[in-house]
Amino acid sequence: DHREIHIIAQANPDGRRQVELGAGMWRKNHNETACAAGNLSGTWPGIDLNRNSSFLWGSFSSSDACSQTYRGPVPASEPETLAIQNYLASVFDDQRPASDLESPAPAEARGIFISLHSFAEMVLFPWEGLGGQNENNAPNHDALAVLGRRFGFLNDYAVGRWQLLGPAGGTAVDFAYGEFGVAAYTFEVGTDFIQSCESFEAAVWPDNRDALLLAAKAA
């Protein structure tokens, strides 16, 4: 009665198709203009969509088209990235100035964005695209950390940002928080890049169900 839940079921359909065809660790999209002569033994075709968004693009990513973390030639170069950014703009209100890294979202800001990834059993929050220590915390760091720890209590995941997985510039989570001021998190779910249905149903879903319900309540 009081919440809208929007689900983008697959953010990287072409990359997923490569995994279904047997490319076990394919994490980029399938833009064949990037590293066209690549292979699966270290030089991978495509663009890392989670380093392609237009917020904090260019930092902590690679300019090498054959790298697993290739950010693309320009911010939001990929249709998948543009589709997600445009969709988020249609759902969320602007609640903080997107032009700077220091203005907080107001305490009454509404909305939560969760980007579900595999795998690592972690909850990450902005800024994902700034390195360094606490001087690079997001303006709403304390509130984001408290809610993140509540998620971590429910799914028993580690909670943090740069100190857990290292920084990544151009993520969808930084875009959602940076552009709209919504609380935004990455859930690195599960224990395998290709999780079995049995383990998903037995562990991954039960571990995360209550955390996702909390997100709906907290939005």
N, C-alpha and C. Protein backbone atom coordinates (compact mmCIF):
# COMPACT_ATOMS: atom_id res chain seq x y z
N ASP A 1 0.80 -1.21 0.00
CA ASP A 1 0.00 0.00 0.00
C ASP A 1 0.84 1.27 0.00
N HIS A 2 2.10 1.18 0.43
CA HIS A 2 2.87 2.41 0.67
C HIS A 2 4.22 2.44 -0.04
N ARG A 3 4.53 1.46 -0.87
CA ARG A 3 5.83 1.42 -1.54
C ARG A 3 5.66 1.02 -3.01
N GLU A 4 6.53 1.53 -3.85
CA GLU A 4 6.69 1.00 -5.20
C GLU A 4 8.04 0.29 -5.26
N ILE A 5 8.06 -0.90 -5.82
CA ILE A 5 9.30 -1.65 -6.00
C ILE A 5 9.49 -1.87 -7.50
N HIS A 6 10.58 -1.35 -8.02
CA HIS A 6 10.92 -1.50 -9.43
C HIS A 6 12.08 -2.48 -9.54
N ILE A 7 11.94 -3.46 -10.42
CA ILE A 7 12.97 -4.49 -10.57
C ILE A 7 13.49 -4.45 -12.01
N ILE A 8 14.78 -4.20 -12.14
CA ILE A 8 15.48 -4.37 -13.41
C ILE A 8 16.11 -5.75 -13.35
N ALA A 9 15.49 -6.69 -14.01
CA ALA A 9 15.83 -8.09 -13.76
C ALA A 9 17.22 -8.47 -14.27
N GLN A 10 17.71 -7.82 -15.31
CA GLN A 10 19.02 -8.17 -15.86
C GLN A 10 19.64 -6.92 -16.48
N ALA A 11 20.72 -6.46 -15.87
CA ALA A 11 21.36 -5.23 -16.34
C ALA A 11 22.35 -5.49 -17.48
N ASN A 12 22.74 -6.75 -17.70
CA ASN A 12 23.75 -7.07 -18.70
C ASN A 12 23.32 -8.31 -19.49
N PRO A 13 22.26 -8.20 -20.29
CA PRO A 13 21.73 -9.40 -20.95
C PRO A 13 22.70 -10.05 -21.93
N ASP A 14 23.47 -9.23 -22.66
CA ASP A 14 24.39 -9.83 -23.63
C ASP A 14 25.55 -10.53 -22.94
N GLY A 15 26.06 -9.94 -21.85
CA GLY A 15 27.10 -10.61 -21.08
C GLY A 15 26.59 -11.89 -20.46
N ARG A 16 25.37 -11.85 -19.94
CA ARG A 16 24.79 -13.06 -19.36
C ARG A 16 24.68 -14.17 -20.42
N ARG A 17 24.34 -13.76 -21.63
CA ARG A 17 24.21 -14.76 -22.70
C ARG A 17 25.55 -15.45 -22.96
N GLN A 18 26.65 -14.70 -22.86
CA GLN A 18 27.96 -15.31 -23.04
C GLN A 18 28.23 -16.35 -21.95
N VAL A 19 27.81 -16.05 -20.72
CA VAL A 19 27.97 -17.02 -19.63
C VAL A 19 27.13 -18.26 -19.90
N GLU A 20 25.90 -18.06 -20.38
CA GLU A 20 25.03 -19.20 -20.68
C GLU A 20 25.62 -20.08 -21.78
N LEU A 21 26.41 -19.46 -22.66
CA LEU A 21 27.05 -20.22 -23.74
C LEU A 21 28.35 -20.88 -23.30
N GLY A 22 28.76 -20.64 -22.03
CA GLY A 22 29.92 -21.35 -21.51
C GLY A 22 31.10 -20.51 -21.11
N ALA A 23 31.04 -19.18 -21.29
CA ALA A 23 32.15 -18.30 -20.88
C ALA A 23 32.00 -18.01 -19.40
N GLY A 24 32.63 -18.81 -18.57
CA GLY A 24 32.31 -18.86 -17.14
C GLY A 24 32.48 -17.58 -16.36
N MET A 25 33.46 -16.72 -16.72
CA MET A 25 33.70 -15.52 -15.91
C MET A 25 33.46 -14.23 -16.69
N TRP A 26 32.62 -14.28 -17.71
CA TRP A 26 32.33 -13.08 -18.50
C TRP A 26 31.55 -12.08 -17.65
N ARG A 27 32.13 -10.88 -17.43
CA ARG A 27 31.47 -9.88 -16.60
C ARG A 27 31.20 -8.58 -17.35
N LYS A 28 31.81 -8.41 -18.53
CA LYS A 28 31.57 -7.23 -19.34
C LYS A 28 30.33 -7.43 -20.21
N ASN A 29 29.95 -6.37 -20.97
CA ASN A 29 28.90 -6.61 -21.95
C ASN A 29 29.53 -7.25 -23.18
N HIS A 30 28.84 -7.24 -24.31
CA HIS A 30 29.40 -7.90 -25.49
C HIS A 30 29.53 -6.91 -26.64
N ASN A 31 30.04 -5.75 -26.33
CA ASN A 31 30.33 -4.74 -27.35
C ASN A 31 31.61 -5.16 -28.07
N GLU A 32 31.46 -5.70 -29.27
CA GLU A 32 32.60 -6.29 -29.97
C GLU A 32 33.55 -5.25 -30.55
N THR A 33 33.20 -3.96 -30.47
CA THR A 33 34.15 -2.94 -30.90
C THR A 33 35.25 -2.73 -29.86
N ALA A 34 35.03 -3.21 -28.65
CA ALA A 34 36.03 -3.10 -27.58
C ALA A 34 36.79 -4.42 -27.48
N CYS A 35 38.06 -4.38 -27.81
CA CYS A 35 38.89 -5.58 -27.77
C CYS A 35 38.32 -6.65 -28.70
N ALA A 36 38.16 -6.26 -29.98
CA ALA A 36 37.49 -7.14 -30.94
C ALA A 36 38.18 -8.48 -31.11
N ALA A 37 39.49 -8.49 -30.94
CA ALA A 37 40.23 -9.74 -31.11
C ALA A 37 40.46 -10.46 -29.79
N GLY A 38 39.68 -10.11 -28.78
CA GLY A 38 39.88 -10.69 -27.46
C GLY A 38 39.50 -12.15 -27.40
N ASN A 39 39.89 -12.77 -26.29
CA ASN A 39 39.56 -14.17 -26.05
C ASN A 39 39.26 -14.33 -24.57
N LEU A 40 39.09 -15.54 -24.13
CA LEU A 40 38.72 -15.79 -22.75
C LEU A 40 39.89 -16.21 -21.88
N SER A 41 41.09 -15.99 -22.35
CA SER A 41 42.27 -16.38 -21.58
C SER A 41 43.03 -15.17 -21.07
N GLY A 42 42.34 -14.05 -20.92
CA GLY A 42 42.99 -12.88 -20.36
C GLY A 42 42.70 -11.58 -21.06
N THR A 43 42.28 -11.61 -22.32
CA THR A 43 41.91 -10.39 -23.04
C THR A 43 40.45 -10.52 -23.45
N TRP A 44 39.59 -9.80 -22.76
CA TRP A 44 38.15 -10.03 -22.90
C TRP A 44 37.50 -8.93 -23.72
N PRO A 45 36.67 -9.27 -24.69
CA PRO A 45 35.90 -8.25 -25.41
C PRO A 45 34.86 -7.60 -24.49
N GLY A 46 34.45 -6.38 -24.86
CA GLY A 46 33.35 -5.74 -24.16
C GLY A 46 33.76 -4.64 -23.21
N ILE A 47 32.75 -4.06 -22.54
CA ILE A 47 32.92 -2.92 -21.64
C ILE A 47 32.29 -3.26 -20.29
N ASP A 48 32.99 -2.92 -19.23
CA ASP A 48 32.51 -3.15 -17.87
C ASP A 48 31.40 -2.13 -17.57
N LEU A 49 30.18 -2.59 -17.56
CA LEU A 49 29.05 -1.68 -17.37
C LEU A 49 29.05 -1.03 -16.00
N ASN A 50 29.64 -1.69 -15.01
CA ASN A 50 29.67 -1.11 -13.67
C ASN A 50 30.83 -0.14 -13.48
N ARG A 51 31.49 0.22 -14.56
CA ARG A 51 32.45 1.32 -14.56
C ARG A 51 32.16 2.28 -15.71
N ASN A 52 30.95 2.22 -16.24
CA ASN A 52 30.59 2.99 -17.42
C ASN A 52 29.61 4.12 -17.14
N SER A 53 29.08 4.21 -15.91
CA SER A 53 28.09 5.26 -15.65
C SER A 53 28.75 6.63 -15.66
N SER A 54 27.93 7.65 -15.76
CA SER A 54 28.45 9.02 -15.95
C SER A 54 28.84 9.70 -14.65
N PHE A 55 28.73 9.02 -13.51
CA PHE A 55 29.12 9.63 -12.23
C PHE A 55 30.43 9.00 -11.76
N LEU A 56 31.44 9.83 -11.52
CA LEU A 56 32.79 9.39 -11.15
C LEU A 56 33.40 8.47 -12.19
N TRP A 57 32.97 8.66 -13.46
CA TRP A 57 33.54 7.87 -14.55
C TRP A 57 35.02 8.22 -14.71
N GLY A 58 35.82 7.23 -14.99
CA GLY A 58 37.23 7.45 -15.30
C GLY A 58 38.18 7.13 -14.17
N SER A 59 37.69 7.09 -12.94
CA SER A 59 38.56 6.79 -11.81
C SER A 59 38.47 5.31 -11.47
N PHE A 60 39.59 4.75 -11.06
CA PHE A 60 39.65 3.36 -10.59
C PHE A 60 38.99 2.40 -11.58
N SER A 61 39.43 2.52 -12.82
CA SER A 61 38.98 1.66 -13.91
C SER A 61 40.09 1.64 -14.94
N SER A 62 39.91 0.92 -16.02
CA SER A 62 40.98 0.78 -16.99
C SER A 62 40.62 1.46 -18.32
N SER A 63 41.64 2.01 -18.96
CA SER A 63 41.49 2.56 -20.31
C SER A 63 41.85 1.53 -21.38
N ASP A 64 42.26 0.35 -20.95
CA ASP A 64 42.65 -0.73 -21.85
C ASP A 64 41.40 -1.51 -22.25
N ALA A 65 41.07 -1.50 -23.52
CA ALA A 65 39.82 -2.11 -23.98
C ALA A 65 39.76 -3.61 -23.69
N CYS A 66 40.89 -4.26 -23.51
CA CYS A 66 40.90 -5.69 -23.24
C CYS A 66 40.91 -6.03 -21.75
N SER A 67 40.93 -5.00 -20.90
CA SER A 67 40.89 -5.24 -19.46
C SER A 67 39.50 -5.63 -19.01
N GLN A 68 39.43 -6.42 -17.94
CA GLN A 68 38.14 -6.78 -17.35
C GLN A 68 37.41 -5.56 -16.79
N THR A 69 38.14 -4.48 -16.50
CA THR A 69 37.52 -3.29 -15.91
C THR A 69 37.56 -2.11 -16.88
N TYR A 70 37.51 -2.39 -18.18
CA TYR A 70 37.50 -1.32 -19.17
C TYR A 70 36.24 -0.47 -19.03
N ARG A 71 36.43 0.84 -18.89
CA ARG A 71 35.33 1.75 -18.59
C ARG A 71 34.56 2.24 -19.80
N GLY A 72 35.06 1.97 -21.00
CA GLY A 72 34.44 2.47 -22.22
C GLY A 72 35.10 3.76 -22.68
N PRO A 73 34.82 4.20 -23.91
CA PRO A 73 35.50 5.36 -24.47
C PRO A 73 35.05 6.69 -23.88
N VAL A 74 33.80 6.77 -23.43
CA VAL A 74 33.24 7.99 -22.84
C VAL A 74 32.23 7.57 -21.77
N PRO A 75 31.84 8.48 -20.86
CA PRO A 75 30.84 8.12 -19.86
C PRO A 75 29.52 7.69 -20.51
N ALA A 76 28.92 6.67 -19.94
CA ALA A 76 27.60 6.18 -20.39
C ALA A 76 27.59 5.92 -21.89
N SER A 77 28.64 5.29 -22.39
CA SER A 77 28.73 4.99 -23.82
C SER A 77 27.82 3.85 -24.24
N GLU A 78 27.41 3.01 -23.28
CA GLU A 78 26.72 1.77 -23.62
C GLU A 78 25.21 1.90 -23.49
N PRO A 79 24.45 1.28 -24.39
CA PRO A 79 22.99 1.37 -24.30
C PRO A 79 22.43 0.80 -23.01
N GLU A 80 23.10 -0.22 -22.44
CA GLU A 80 22.63 -0.77 -21.17
C GLU A 80 22.74 0.27 -20.06
N THR A 81 23.86 1.00 -20.03
CA THR A 81 24.07 2.04 -19.02
C THR A 81 23.05 3.15 -19.18
N LEU A 82 22.86 3.61 -20.40
CA LEU A 82 21.90 4.68 -20.65
C LEU A 82 20.49 4.26 -20.27
N ALA A 83 20.15 3.02 -20.55
CA ALA A 83 18.80 2.55 -20.23
C ALA A 83 18.55 2.60 -18.72
N ILE A 84 19.55 2.17 -17.94
CA ILE A 84 19.39 2.18 -16.49
C ILE A 84 19.36 3.61 -15.96
N GLN A 85 20.27 4.45 -16.43
CA GLN A 85 20.31 5.83 -15.95
C GLN A 85 19.01 6.55 -16.28
N ASN A 86 18.50 6.37 -17.48
CA ASN A 86 17.24 7.02 -17.85
C ASN A 86 16.07 6.48 -17.04
N TYR A 87 16.12 5.18 -16.75
CA TYR A 87 15.04 4.61 -15.95
C TYR A 87 15.06 5.16 -14.53
N LEU A 88 16.24 5.23 -13.93
CA LEU A 88 16.34 5.78 -12.57
C LEU A 88 15.87 7.23 -12.55
N ALA A 89 16.18 7.98 -13.59
CA ALA A 89 15.73 9.38 -13.65
C ALA A 89 14.22 9.47 -13.73
N SER A 90 13.57 8.44 -14.26
CA SER A 90 12.10 8.46 -14.35
C SER A 90 11.44 8.04 -13.04
N VAL A 91 12.22 7.41 -12.14
CA VAL A 91 11.67 6.88 -10.89
C VAL A 91 11.95 7.81 -9.71
N PHE A 92 13.19 8.33 -9.62
CA PHE A 92 13.62 9.07 -8.44
C PHE A 92 13.57 10.58 -8.67
N ASP A 93 13.28 11.32 -7.59
CA ASP A 93 13.37 12.78 -7.61
C ASP A 93 14.82 13.20 -7.39
N ASP A 94 15.17 14.38 -7.90
CA ASP A 94 16.48 14.96 -7.59
C ASP A 94 16.45 15.50 -6.17
N GLN A 95 17.30 14.96 -5.29
CA GLN A 95 17.26 15.33 -3.89
C GLN A 95 18.60 15.85 -3.35
N ARG A 96 19.59 15.96 -4.23
CA ARG A 96 20.86 16.57 -3.86
C ARG A 96 21.50 17.13 -5.13
N PRO A 97 22.36 18.15 -5.00
CA PRO A 97 23.05 18.66 -6.20
C PRO A 97 23.99 17.60 -6.76
N ALA A 98 23.81 17.30 -8.02
CA ALA A 98 24.64 16.27 -8.63
C ALA A 98 26.00 16.80 -9.07
N SER A 99 26.20 18.10 -8.96
CA SER A 99 27.41 18.71 -9.49
C SER A 99 28.59 18.67 -8.54
N ASP A 100 28.39 18.17 -7.33
CA ASP A 100 29.50 18.16 -6.38
C ASP A 100 29.48 16.88 -5.56
N LEU A 101 30.54 16.67 -4.81
CA LEU A 101 30.68 15.46 -3.99
C LEU A 101 30.49 15.73 -2.52
N GLU A 102 30.09 16.94 -2.15
CA GLU A 102 30.08 17.32 -0.74
C GLU A 102 28.70 17.67 -0.19
N SER A 103 27.72 17.91 -1.03
CA SER A 103 26.39 18.29 -0.54
C SER A 103 25.60 17.04 -0.16
N PRO A 104 25.13 16.95 1.07
CA PRO A 104 24.36 15.76 1.47
C PRO A 104 22.93 15.80 0.95
N ALA A 105 22.35 14.63 0.85
CA ALA A 105 20.91 14.54 0.64
C ALA A 105 20.22 14.89 1.96
N PRO A 106 19.04 15.49 1.91
CA PRO A 106 18.34 15.83 3.15
C PRO A 106 17.90 14.59 3.91
N ALA A 107 17.69 14.76 5.20
CA ALA A 107 17.30 13.63 6.04
C ALA A 107 15.99 13.00 5.58
N GLU A 108 15.13 13.79 4.94
CA GLU A 108 13.83 13.26 4.50
C GLU A 108 13.87 12.71 3.08
N ALA A 109 15.06 12.58 2.50
CA ALA A 109 15.18 12.03 1.14
C ALA A 109 14.54 10.64 1.07
N ARG A 110 13.88 10.38 -0.05
CA ARG A 110 13.17 9.11 -0.22
C ARG A 110 13.82 8.28 -1.32
N GLY A 111 13.72 6.98 -1.17
CA GLY A 111 14.18 6.07 -2.20
C GLY A 111 15.40 5.27 -1.79
N ILE A 112 15.47 4.04 -2.28
CA ILE A 112 16.63 3.17 -2.11
C ILE A 112 16.90 2.51 -3.45
N PHE A 113 18.17 2.42 -3.80
CA PHE A 113 18.59 1.70 -4.99
C PHE A 113 19.56 0.61 -4.56
N ILE A 114 19.29 -0.63 -4.95
CA ILE A 114 20.18 -1.74 -4.62
C ILE A 114 20.59 -2.42 -5.92
N SER A 115 21.89 -2.54 -6.12
CA SER A 115 22.44 -3.21 -7.28
C SER A 115 22.93 -4.59 -6.84
N LEU A 116 22.32 -5.64 -7.37
CA LEU A 116 22.64 -7.00 -6.96
C LEU A 116 23.70 -7.58 -7.89
N HIS A 117 24.82 -8.00 -7.31
CA HIS A 117 25.94 -8.56 -8.06
C HIS A 117 26.26 -9.95 -7.51
N SER A 118 27.05 -10.69 -8.26
CA SER A 118 27.69 -11.88 -7.71
C SER A 118 29.19 -11.73 -7.93
N PHE A 119 29.98 -12.09 -6.93
CA PHE A 119 29.62 -12.69 -5.66
C PHE A 119 30.63 -12.21 -4.64
N ALA A 120 30.38 -12.25 -3.36
CA ALA A 120 31.41 -11.95 -2.35
C ALA A 120 30.82 -11.83 -0.96
N GLU A 121 29.49 -11.86 -0.82
CA GLU A 121 28.83 -11.70 0.48
C GLU A 121 29.26 -10.39 1.14
N MET A 122 28.97 -9.28 0.45
CA MET A 122 29.31 -7.94 0.94
C MET A 122 28.16 -6.98 0.67
N VAL A 123 28.08 -5.95 1.52
CA VAL A 123 27.22 -4.80 1.30
C VAL A 123 28.13 -3.58 1.17
N LEU A 124 28.09 -2.92 0.01
CA LEU A 124 28.95 -1.77 -0.27
C LEU A 124 28.08 -0.54 -0.49
N PHE A 125 28.64 0.64 -0.17
CA PHE A 125 27.87 1.88 -0.34
C PHE A 125 28.79 3.01 -0.78
N PRO A 126 28.25 4.14 -1.25
CA PRO A 126 29.06 5.25 -1.79
C PRO A 126 30.00 5.83 -0.74
N TRP A 127 31.07 6.47 -1.26
CA TRP A 127 31.40 6.49 -2.68
C TRP A 127 32.17 5.21 -3.05
N GLU A 128 31.72 4.51 -4.08
CA GLU A 128 32.46 3.36 -4.57
C GLU A 128 33.62 3.79 -5.47
N GLY A 129 33.52 4.99 -6.04
CA GLY A 129 34.49 5.44 -7.02
C GLY A 129 35.54 6.40 -6.50
N LEU A 130 35.68 6.52 -5.19
CA LEU A 130 36.75 7.32 -4.61
C LEU A 130 37.59 6.43 -3.70
N GLY A 131 38.88 6.53 -3.83
CA GLY A 131 39.75 5.75 -2.97
C GLY A 131 40.08 6.52 -1.71
N GLY A 132 41.22 6.20 -1.14
CA GLY A 132 41.65 6.93 0.04
C GLY A 132 40.95 6.47 1.30
N GLN A 133 41.03 7.31 2.31
CA GLN A 133 40.51 6.95 3.62
C GLN A 133 39.20 7.70 3.89
N ASN A 134 38.95 8.04 5.14
CA ASN A 134 37.66 8.61 5.50
C ASN A 134 37.43 10.00 4.93
N GLU A 135 38.49 10.67 4.44
CA GLU A 135 38.27 11.99 3.86
C GLU A 135 37.45 11.90 2.57
N ASN A 136 37.32 10.71 2.01
CA ASN A 136 36.54 10.53 0.79
C ASN A 136 35.18 9.88 1.06
N ASN A 137 34.73 9.94 2.29
CA ASN A 137 33.39 9.44 2.59
C ASN A 137 32.34 10.26 1.85
N ALA A 138 31.21 9.62 1.54
CA ALA A 138 30.08 10.34 0.97
C ALA A 138 29.50 11.31 2.00
N PRO A 139 28.82 12.38 1.55
CA PRO A 139 28.26 13.34 2.50
C PRO A 139 27.32 12.73 3.52
N ASN A 140 26.56 11.72 3.12
CA ASN A 140 25.64 11.03 4.03
C ASN A 140 26.24 9.74 4.57
N HIS A 141 27.56 9.73 4.75
CA HIS A 141 28.27 8.49 5.10
C HIS A 141 27.70 7.83 6.35
N ASP A 142 27.50 8.59 7.41
CA ASP A 142 27.09 7.97 8.67
C ASP A 142 25.75 7.27 8.54
N ALA A 143 24.80 7.93 7.90
CA ALA A 143 23.48 7.32 7.73
C ALA A 143 23.54 6.12 6.79
N LEU A 144 24.31 6.24 5.71
CA LEU A 144 24.47 5.11 4.80
C LEU A 144 25.12 3.92 5.50
N ALA A 145 26.09 4.21 6.36
CA ALA A 145 26.77 3.13 7.09
C ALA A 145 25.83 2.44 8.07
N VAL A 146 25.02 3.21 8.77
CA VAL A 146 24.09 2.61 9.75
C VAL A 146 23.10 1.69 9.05
N LEU A 147 22.48 2.18 7.97
CA LEU A 147 21.54 1.33 7.25
C LEU A 147 22.26 0.13 6.64
N GLY A 148 23.47 0.35 6.13
CA GLY A 148 24.24 -0.77 5.59
C GLY A 148 24.52 -1.84 6.63
N ARG A 149 24.84 -1.41 7.84
CA ARG A 149 25.09 -2.39 8.90
C ARG A 149 23.82 -3.13 9.28
N ARG A 150 22.68 -2.48 9.16
CA ARG A 150 21.41 -3.18 9.41
C ARG A 150 21.18 -4.26 8.35
N PHE A 151 21.51 -3.93 7.09
CA PHE A 151 21.44 -4.96 6.05
C PHE A 151 22.40 -6.10 6.37
N GLY A 152 23.63 -5.75 6.75
CA GLY A 152 24.64 -6.76 7.04
C GLY A 152 24.27 -7.64 8.21
N PHE A 153 23.56 -7.08 9.19
CA PHE A 153 23.11 -7.88 10.33
C PHE A 153 22.14 -8.96 9.86
N LEU A 154 21.31 -8.62 8.87
CA LEU A 154 20.28 -9.56 8.41
C LEU A 154 20.83 -10.60 7.45
N ASN A 155 21.74 -10.22 6.55
CA ASN A 155 22.25 -11.22 5.61
C ASN A 155 23.62 -11.75 5.99
N ASP A 156 24.16 -11.25 7.12
CA ASP A 156 25.46 -11.71 7.64
C ASP A 156 26.58 -11.46 6.63
N TYR A 157 26.51 -10.31 5.93
CA TYR A 157 27.53 -9.92 4.97
C TYR A 157 28.43 -8.87 5.59
N ALA A 158 29.67 -8.80 5.12
CA ALA A 158 30.57 -7.71 5.50
C ALA A 158 30.04 -6.40 4.92
N VAL A 159 30.23 -5.30 5.65
CA VAL A 159 29.68 -3.99 5.24
C VAL A 159 30.81 -2.98 5.17
N GLY A 160 30.88 -2.25 4.09
CA GLY A 160 31.91 -1.22 3.96
C GLY A 160 31.98 -0.68 2.55
N ARG A 161 33.17 -0.18 2.18
CA ARG A 161 33.33 0.28 0.79
C ARG A 161 34.74 0.00 0.31
N TRP A 162 35.64 1.01 0.21
CA TRP A 162 36.96 0.81 -0.39
C TRP A 162 37.77 -0.26 0.33
N GLN A 163 37.57 -0.40 1.65
CA GLN A 163 38.43 -1.32 2.40
C GLN A 163 38.05 -2.78 2.17
N LEU A 164 36.89 -3.04 1.57
CA LEU A 164 36.46 -4.41 1.34
C LEU A 164 36.82 -4.91 -0.06
N LEU A 165 36.49 -4.15 -1.07
CA LEU A 165 36.63 -4.65 -2.43
C LEU A 165 37.48 -3.74 -3.31
N GLY A 166 37.90 -2.60 -2.77
CA GLY A 166 38.63 -1.65 -3.59
C GLY A 166 37.69 -0.74 -4.35
N PRO A 167 38.10 0.47 -4.68
CA PRO A 167 37.22 1.43 -5.35
C PRO A 167 36.97 1.07 -6.81
N ALA A 168 35.83 1.52 -7.33
CA ALA A 168 35.46 1.33 -8.73
C ALA A 168 34.72 2.57 -9.19
N GLY A 169 35.26 3.27 -10.16
CA GLY A 169 34.61 4.49 -10.65
C GLY A 169 33.57 4.18 -11.71
N GLY A 170 32.49 4.96 -11.69
CA GLY A 170 31.45 4.81 -12.70
C GLY A 170 30.44 3.73 -12.40
N THR A 171 30.16 3.48 -11.13
CA THR A 171 29.18 2.44 -10.78
C THR A 171 27.76 3.00 -10.79
N ALA A 172 26.81 2.10 -10.94
CA ALA A 172 25.40 2.50 -10.90
C ALA A 172 25.01 3.00 -9.52
N VAL A 173 25.62 2.45 -8.48
CA VAL A 173 25.30 2.88 -7.11
C VAL A 173 25.73 4.33 -6.88
N ASP A 174 26.94 4.69 -7.30
CA ASP A 174 27.37 6.08 -7.16
C ASP A 174 26.50 7.01 -7.99
N PHE A 175 26.07 6.55 -9.16
CA PHE A 175 25.17 7.37 -9.99
C PHE A 175 23.85 7.61 -9.26
N ALA A 176 23.27 6.55 -8.70
CA ALA A 176 21.96 6.69 -8.05
C ALA A 176 22.03 7.63 -6.86
N TYR A 177 23.05 7.47 -6.02
CA TYR A 177 23.18 8.37 -4.87
C TYR A 177 23.64 9.75 -5.31
N GLY A 178 24.64 9.81 -6.18
CA GLY A 178 25.20 11.09 -6.57
C GLY A 178 24.22 11.97 -7.33
N GLU A 179 23.43 11.38 -8.21
CA GLU A 179 22.51 12.16 -9.03
C GLU A 179 21.21 12.48 -8.30
N PHE A 180 20.71 11.55 -7.49
CA PHE A 180 19.37 11.69 -6.95
C PHE A 180 19.31 11.76 -5.43
N GLY A 181 20.42 11.47 -4.75
CA GLY A 181 20.41 11.52 -3.30
C GLY A 181 19.68 10.39 -2.63
N VAL A 182 19.46 9.27 -3.34
CA VAL A 182 18.81 8.12 -2.71
C VAL A 182 19.87 7.26 -2.05
N ALA A 183 19.51 6.60 -0.97
CA ALA A 183 20.41 5.62 -0.37
C ALA A 183 20.67 4.52 -1.39
N ALA A 184 21.93 4.18 -1.62
CA ALA A 184 22.25 3.23 -2.68
C ALA A 184 23.32 2.26 -2.20
N TYR A 185 23.15 1.00 -2.57
CA TYR A 185 24.02 -0.07 -2.09
C TYR A 185 24.26 -1.11 -3.18
N THR A 186 25.43 -1.71 -3.12
CA THR A 186 25.71 -2.93 -3.87
C THR A 186 25.63 -4.10 -2.91
N PHE A 187 24.82 -5.09 -3.24
CA PHE A 187 24.83 -6.37 -2.53
C PHE A 187 25.60 -7.35 -3.42
N GLU A 188 26.78 -7.77 -2.95
CA GLU A 188 27.51 -8.84 -3.63
C GLU A 188 27.00 -10.16 -3.05
N VAL A 189 26.05 -10.78 -3.76
CA VAL A 189 25.33 -11.91 -3.18
C VAL A 189 25.98 -13.23 -3.55
N GLY A 190 25.90 -14.16 -2.62
CA GLY A 190 26.29 -15.53 -2.90
C GLY A 190 27.77 -15.78 -2.77
N THR A 191 28.15 -16.98 -3.19
CA THR A 191 29.52 -17.47 -3.01
C THR A 191 30.14 -17.94 -4.32
N ASP A 192 29.47 -17.71 -5.44
CA ASP A 192 29.98 -18.19 -6.72
C ASP A 192 29.47 -17.28 -7.82
N PHE A 193 30.31 -17.05 -8.83
CA PHE A 193 29.89 -16.23 -9.96
C PHE A 193 28.69 -16.85 -10.67
N ILE A 194 28.66 -18.15 -10.75
CA ILE A 194 27.51 -18.86 -11.32
C ILE A 194 26.93 -19.72 -10.22
N GLN A 195 25.99 -19.17 -9.47
CA GLN A 195 25.44 -19.86 -8.31
C GLN A 195 24.44 -20.93 -8.77
N SER A 196 24.49 -22.09 -8.16
CA SER A 196 23.52 -23.13 -8.51
C SER A 196 22.14 -22.73 -7.98
N CYS A 197 21.12 -23.21 -8.65
CA CYS A 197 19.76 -22.93 -8.20
C CYS A 197 19.53 -23.49 -6.80
N GLU A 198 20.11 -24.66 -6.52
CA GLU A 198 19.91 -25.28 -5.22
C GLU A 198 20.49 -24.41 -4.10
N SER A 199 21.70 -23.92 -4.29
CA SER A 199 22.31 -23.11 -3.23
C SER A 199 21.66 -21.74 -3.15
N PHE A 200 21.19 -21.22 -4.28
CA PHE A 200 20.47 -19.95 -4.24
C PHE A 200 19.21 -20.07 -3.39
N GLU A 201 18.44 -21.11 -3.64
CA GLU A 201 17.17 -21.28 -2.92
C GLU A 201 17.40 -21.66 -1.47
N ALA A 202 18.47 -22.40 -1.19
CA ALA A 202 18.72 -22.87 0.18
C ALA A 202 19.39 -21.81 1.04
N ALA A 203 20.20 -20.94 0.45
CA ALA A 203 21.00 -20.02 1.27
C ALA A 203 20.94 -18.57 0.81
N VAL A 204 21.18 -18.31 -0.47
CA VAL A 204 21.31 -16.92 -0.93
C VAL A 204 20.01 -16.15 -0.74
N TRP A 205 18.90 -16.74 -1.18
CA TRP A 205 17.62 -16.05 -1.02
C TRP A 205 17.22 -15.91 0.45
N PRO A 206 17.25 -16.97 1.26
CA PRO A 206 16.91 -16.78 2.68
C PRO A 206 17.82 -15.76 3.37
N ASP A 207 19.10 -15.73 3.02
CA ASP A 207 20.01 -14.78 3.65
C ASP A 207 19.62 -13.34 3.33
N ASN A 208 19.14 -13.10 2.13
CA ASN A 208 18.92 -11.73 1.67
C ASN A 208 17.47 -11.27 1.71
N ARG A 209 16.55 -12.18 1.90
CA ARG A 209 15.13 -11.81 1.87
C ARG A 209 14.81 -10.71 2.88
N ASP A 210 15.21 -10.89 4.13
CA ASP A 210 14.85 -9.91 5.16
C ASP A 210 15.59 -8.59 4.95
N ALA A 211 16.79 -8.64 4.40
CA ALA A 211 17.50 -7.39 4.10
C ALA A 211 16.78 -6.60 3.01
N LEU A 212 16.26 -7.30 2.02
CA LEU A 212 15.52 -6.62 0.94
C LEU A 212 14.19 -6.09 1.46
N LEU A 213 13.56 -6.82 2.35
CA LEU A 213 12.32 -6.32 2.96
C LEU A 213 12.60 -5.07 3.80
N LEU A 214 13.72 -5.07 4.51
CA LEU A 214 14.11 -3.88 5.27
C LEU A 214 14.31 -2.71 4.33
N ALA A 215 14.92 -2.94 3.17
CA ALA A 215 15.13 -1.86 2.21
C ALA A 215 13.80 -1.26 1.78
N ALA A 216 12.80 -2.10 1.55
CA ALA A 216 11.48 -1.59 1.17
C ALA A 216 10.88 -0.73 2.29
N LYS A 217 11.07 -1.17 3.51
CA LYS A 217 10.55 -0.39 4.64
C LYS A 217 11.29 0.92 4.81
N ALA A 218 12.61 0.90 4.59
CA ALA A 218 13.42 2.08 4.84
C ALA A 218 13.34 3.11 3.72
N ALA A 219 12.81 2.73 2.57
CA ALA A 219 12.82 3.63 1.41
C ALA A 219 12.11 4.96 1.67
